Amino acid sequence: MAGSVHIPWYATGFRGDKMEAAVAEFAKVSLRYGASAYSVYRGRDDRYKILQVVEFEHKADWEAYWNGPEAVRFRATSSGWYQVPVVYAWQDLVVKGDMRPEVDDPAVGTPNVPA
């Protein structure tokens, strides 16, 4: 079942910018493990909060990514930049929507607007 994993990182003092850049690079690696998408968010009210979201079709692909050599290396090299424990959560995808611009040419496609 498709889902996403939410990984809340919390940077230590004065390491928010470094941690943001490191998580952004680490998130890209997920595509090599079968992720369909990834995103990284940073809190506006609390600049030390960083949320990584990675979407996978299969939980086994997530586990391969999280336990893979790149993830182990990432956590080891940046271990002083974030607070532990890091408790991720698998979320089952229930519904997803988006807004796409109107398309004039019906051969190109139709907008993704609920009926």
C-alpha atoms as a PDB file:
ATOM      1  CA  MET A   1       0.000   0.000   0.000  1.00  0.00           C
ATOM      2  CA  ALA A   2       1.362   3.403  -0.967  1.00  0.00           C
ATOM      3  CA  GLY A   3       2.308   5.674   1.840  1.00  0.00           C
ATOM      4  CA  SER A   4       4.694   8.265   3.066  1.00  0.00           C
ATOM      5  CA  VAL A   5       7.142   8.393   5.889  1.00  0.00           C
ATOM      6  CA  HIS A   6       7.337  11.520   8.016  1.00  0.00           C
ATOM      7  CA  ILE A   7      10.713  12.051   9.660  1.00  0.00           C
ATOM      8  CA  PRO A   8      10.794  14.935  12.132  1.00  0.00           C
ATOM      9  CA  TRP A   9      14.348  16.236  12.550  1.00  0.00           C
ATOM     10  CA  TYR A  10      15.122  18.833  15.189  1.00  0.00           C
ATOM     11  CA  ALA A  11      18.392  20.685  14.695  1.00  0.00           C
ATOM     12  CA  THR A  12      20.640  21.548  17.602  1.00  0.00           C
ATOM     13  CA  GLY A  13      21.606  25.149  18.367  1.00  0.00           C
ATOM     14  CA  PHE A  14      22.884  27.163  15.397  1.00  0.00           C
ATOM     15  CA  ARG A  15      22.830  24.097  13.133  1.00  0.00           C
ATOM     16  CA  GLY A  16      19.466  24.675  11.442  1.00  0.00           C
ATOM     17  CA  ASP A  17      20.907  25.831   8.122  1.00  0.00           C
ATOM     18  CA  LYS A  18      23.455  23.001   8.002  1.00  0.00           C
ATOM     19  CA  MET A  19      20.826  20.435   8.909  1.00  0.00           C
ATOM     20  CA  GLU A  20      18.387  21.757   6.304  1.00  0.00           C
ATOM     21  CA  ALA A  21      21.007  21.415   3.558  1.00  0.00           C
ATOM     22  CA  ALA A  22      22.068  17.953   4.733  1.00  0.00           C
ATOM     23  CA  VAL A  23      18.497  16.614   4.921  1.00  0.00           C
ATOM     24  CA  ALA A  24      17.747  18.053   1.469  1.00  0.00           C
ATOM     25  CA  GLU A  25      20.697  16.128   0.010  1.00  0.00           C
ATOM     26  CA  PHE A  26      19.859  12.952   1.928  1.00  0.00           C
ATOM     27  CA  ALA A  27      16.215  13.076   0.796  1.00  0.00           C
ATOM     28  CA  LYS A  28      17.290  12.911  -2.870  1.00  0.00           C
ATOM     29  CA  VAL A  29      18.880   9.504  -2.245  1.00  0.00           C
ATOM     30  CA  SER A  30      15.418   8.038  -1.582  1.00  0.00           C
ATOM     31  CA  LEU A  31      14.708   8.016  -5.333  1.00  0.00           C
ATOM     32  CA  ARG A  32      17.428   5.377  -5.768  1.00  0.00           C
ATOM     33  CA  TYR A  33      15.459   3.145  -3.385  1.00  0.00           C
ATOM     34  CA  GLY A  34      12.158   3.419  -5.207  1.00  0.00           C
ATOM     35  CA  ALA A  35      10.615   6.516  -3.655  1.00  0.00           C
ATOM     36  CA  SER A  36       8.080   8.210  -5.890  1.00  0.00           C
ATOM     37  CA  ALA A  37       8.566  11.623  -4.275  1.00  0.00           C
ATOM     38  CA  TYR A  38      10.258  13.416  -1.421  1.00  0.00           C
ATOM     39  CA  SER A  39       9.969  16.815   0.224  1.00  0.00           C
ATOM     40  CA  VAL A  40      11.665  18.682   3.030  1.00  0.00           C
ATOM     41  CA  TYR A  41       9.899  21.347   5.093  1.00  0.00           C
ATOM     42  CA  ARG A  42      11.372  23.805   7.577  1.00  0.00           C
ATOM     43  CA  GLY A  43       9.301  25.455  10.264  1.00  0.00           C
ATOM     44  CA  ARG A  44       8.744  29.187  10.083  1.00  0.00           C
ATOM     45  CA  ASP A  45       7.941  29.621  13.753  1.00  0.00           C
ATOM     46  CA  ASP A  46      10.656  27.223  14.900  1.00  0.00           C
ATOM     47  CA  ARG A  47      13.571  27.291  12.451  1.00  0.00           C
ATOM     48  CA  TYR A  48      15.094  24.213  14.108  1.00  0.00           C
ATOM     49  CA  LYS A  49      12.178  21.978  13.032  1.00  0.00           C
ATOM     50  CA  ILE A  50      12.756  20.137   9.779  1.00  0.00           C
ATOM     51  CA  LEU A  51      10.285  17.629   8.389  1.00  0.00           C
ATOM     52  CA  GLN A  52      11.330  15.144   5.737  1.00  0.00           C
ATOM     53  CA  VAL A  53       8.532  13.380   3.854  1.00  0.00           C
ATOM     54  CA  VAL A  54       9.290  10.475   1.547  1.00  0.00           C
ATOM     55  CA  GLU A  55       6.669   8.619  -0.491  1.00  0.00           C
ATOM     56  CA  PHE A  56       7.046   4.909  -1.225  1.00  0.00           C
ATOM     57  CA  GLU A  57       4.821   2.286  -2.788  1.00  0.00           C
ATOM     58  CA  HIS A  58       6.224  -0.474  -0.565  1.00  0.00           C
ATOM     59  CA  LYS A  59       7.361  -0.275   3.040  1.00  0.00           C
ATOM     60  CA  ALA A  60      10.262  -2.632   2.285  1.00  0.00           C
ATOM     61  CA  ASP A  61      11.719   0.034  -0.041  1.00  0.00           C
ATOM     62  CA  TRP A  62      11.529   2.555   2.796  1.00  0.00           C
ATOM     63  CA  GLU A  63      13.321   0.163   5.130  1.00  0.00           C
ATOM     64  CA  ALA A  64      16.058  -0.410   2.533  1.00  0.00           C
ATOM     65  CA  TYR A  65      16.523   3.379   2.250  1.00  0.00           C
ATOM     66  CA  TRP A  66      16.502   4.049   6.009  1.00  0.00           C
ATOM     67  CA  ASN A  67      18.913   1.197   6.742  1.00  0.00           C
ATOM     68  CA  GLY A  68      21.068   1.645   3.628  1.00  0.00           C
ATOM     69  CA  PRO A  69      24.706   2.756   3.678  1.00  0.00           C
ATOM     70  CA  GLU A  70      23.851   6.343   2.668  1.00  0.00           C
ATOM     71  CA  ALA A  71      21.432   6.709   5.587  1.00  0.00           C
ATOM     72  CA  VAL A  72      23.893   5.222   8.056  1.00  0.00           C
ATOM     73  CA  ARG A  73      26.609   7.571   6.782  1.00  0.00           C
ATOM     74  CA  PHE A  74      24.217  10.569   6.898  1.00  0.00           C
ATOM     75  CA  ARG A  75      23.212   9.907  10.490  1.00  0.00           C
ATOM     76  CA  ALA A  76      26.831   9.353  11.546  1.00  0.00           C
ATOM     77  CA  THR A  77      28.275  12.464   9.885  1.00  0.00           C
ATOM     78  CA  SER A  78      25.467  14.763  11.023  1.00  0.00           C
ATOM     79  CA  SER A  79      24.858  13.201  14.438  1.00  0.00           C
ATOM     80  CA  GLY A  80      25.751  16.380  16.327  1.00  0.00           C
ATOM     81  CA  TRP A  81      23.409  18.491  14.219  1.00  0.00           C
ATOM     82  CA  TYR A  82      20.090  17.014  15.392  1.00  0.00           C
ATOM     83  CA  GLN A  83      18.430  15.822  18.566  1.00  0.00           C
ATOM     84  CA  VAL A  84      17.756  12.168  19.203  1.00  0.00           C
ATOM     85  CA  PRO A  85      15.717  10.088  19.143  1.00  0.00           C
ATOM     86  CA  VAL A  86      14.483  10.456  15.583  1.00  0.00           C
ATOM     87  CA  VAL A  87      11.088   8.775  15.509  1.00  0.00           C
ATOM     88  CA  TYR A  88       9.713   8.393  12.009  1.00  0.00           C
ATOM     89  CA  ALA A  89       6.137   7.346  11.202  1.00  0.00           C
ATOM     90  CA  TRP A  90       4.754   5.491   8.191  1.00  0.00           C
ATOM     91  CA  GLN A  91       1.540   7.120   6.992  1.00  0.00           C
ATOM     92  CA  ASP A  92      -0.895   5.307   4.669  1.00  0.00           C
ATOM     93  CA  LEU A  93      -2.028   7.500   1.803  1.00  0.00           C
ATOM     94  CA  VAL A  94      -5.785   7.979   1.979  1.00  0.00           C
ATOM     95  CA  VAL A  95      -6.347  10.680  -0.634  1.00  0.00           C
ATOM     96  CA  LYS A  96      -4.225  13.132  -2.568  1.00  0.00           C
ATOM     97  CA  GLY A  97      -5.211  16.054  -4.748  1.00  0.00           C
ATOM     98  CA  ASP A  98      -3.710  19.012  -6.467  1.00  0.00           C
ATOM     99  CA  MET A  99      -4.656  21.928  -8.651  1.00  0.00           C
ATOM    100  CA  ARG A 100      -3.315  22.078 -12.158  1.00  0.00           C
ATOM    101  CA  PRO A 101      -3.775  25.030 -14.505  1.00  0.00           C
ATOM    102  CA  GLU A 102      -6.673  24.962 -16.958  1.00  0.00           C
ATOM    103  CA  VAL A 103      -5.744  23.445 -20.312  1.00  0.00           C
ATOM    104  CA  ASP A 104      -7.266  24.948 -23.480  1.00  0.00           C
ATOM    105  CA  ASP A 105      -6.387  22.020 -25.742  1.00  0.00           C
ATOM    106  CA  PRO A 106      -8.479  18.952 -24.776  1.00  0.00           C
ATOM    107  CA  ALA A 107      -5.922  16.708 -26.503  1.00  0.00           C
ATOM    108  CA  VAL A 108      -3.294  17.804 -23.963  1.00  0.00           C
ATOM    109  CA  GLY A 109      -5.366  16.887 -20.940  1.00  0.00           C
ATOM    110  CA  THR A 110      -7.955  18.093 -18.536  1.00  0.00           C
ATOM    111  CA  PRO A 111      -7.489  19.965 -15.291  1.00  0.00           C
ATOM    112  CA  ASN A 112      -7.401  17.911 -12.133  1.00  0.00           C
ATOM    113  CA  VAL A 113     -10.506  19.406 -10.537  1.00  0.00           C
ATOM    114  CA  PRO A 114     -12.962  17.286  -8.546  1.00  0.00           C
ATOM    115  CA  ALA A 115     -16.385  16.893 -10.157  1.00  0.00           C
END
